[in-house]
């Protein structure tokens, strides 16, 4: 199956497998055209803007804001609360190392949607004040080449052990998407482009 066909199949299958919720994460190296990827998402999907360079992040966030608001997408900014405020994004995505700050940002911005990254049950538990967690890597992935995959079964056990929505992230393709049922949704970079 061609890569493009595989990605299209995953994008079509994901809503049925995961209560209709998709998260697209931008990536400096692995997502060459995040604007085109965002335009293909269904309404209600989430876009998380990540870019190492602050100027590039701001420019990308502004461009994605236009697309997100026009298409009914939810726009989050990774690890940059000032940018969330500046452009009127829907909320903040915290890296695992700062997930414990979710309560702080929730108190200051009660209307924000706040998500956090996690790579273990302990990290998910430390994200308790977040609205949702992106748990990875479920499968082997290019993003975490040296990380041991959680496996769908172990990730599902983690998701069931906590009271907040958990999104499966890492190595998800059209071929293995059926193995990630039981999550709030699928989060992906390359699989949705």
Foldseek 3Di string as FASTA:
>chain_A
DDLVVFLVLCQVCFCVQAVHEEEAEEDPPQFPDVLVLLLPHAAAYEYEQDDPDPVVSLVVQLSVVVSCVVRNYAYEYEPCVVSCVVNVGQAYEYELVCLLCLVVVCVVPVRHQYEYEDADLVSVVSNQNHQEYEYDDQPQAPVCNPDDHCHLVNVLVSCVVDDHFYEHEHDDISVCSNSNHNGNGHYYYNSRD
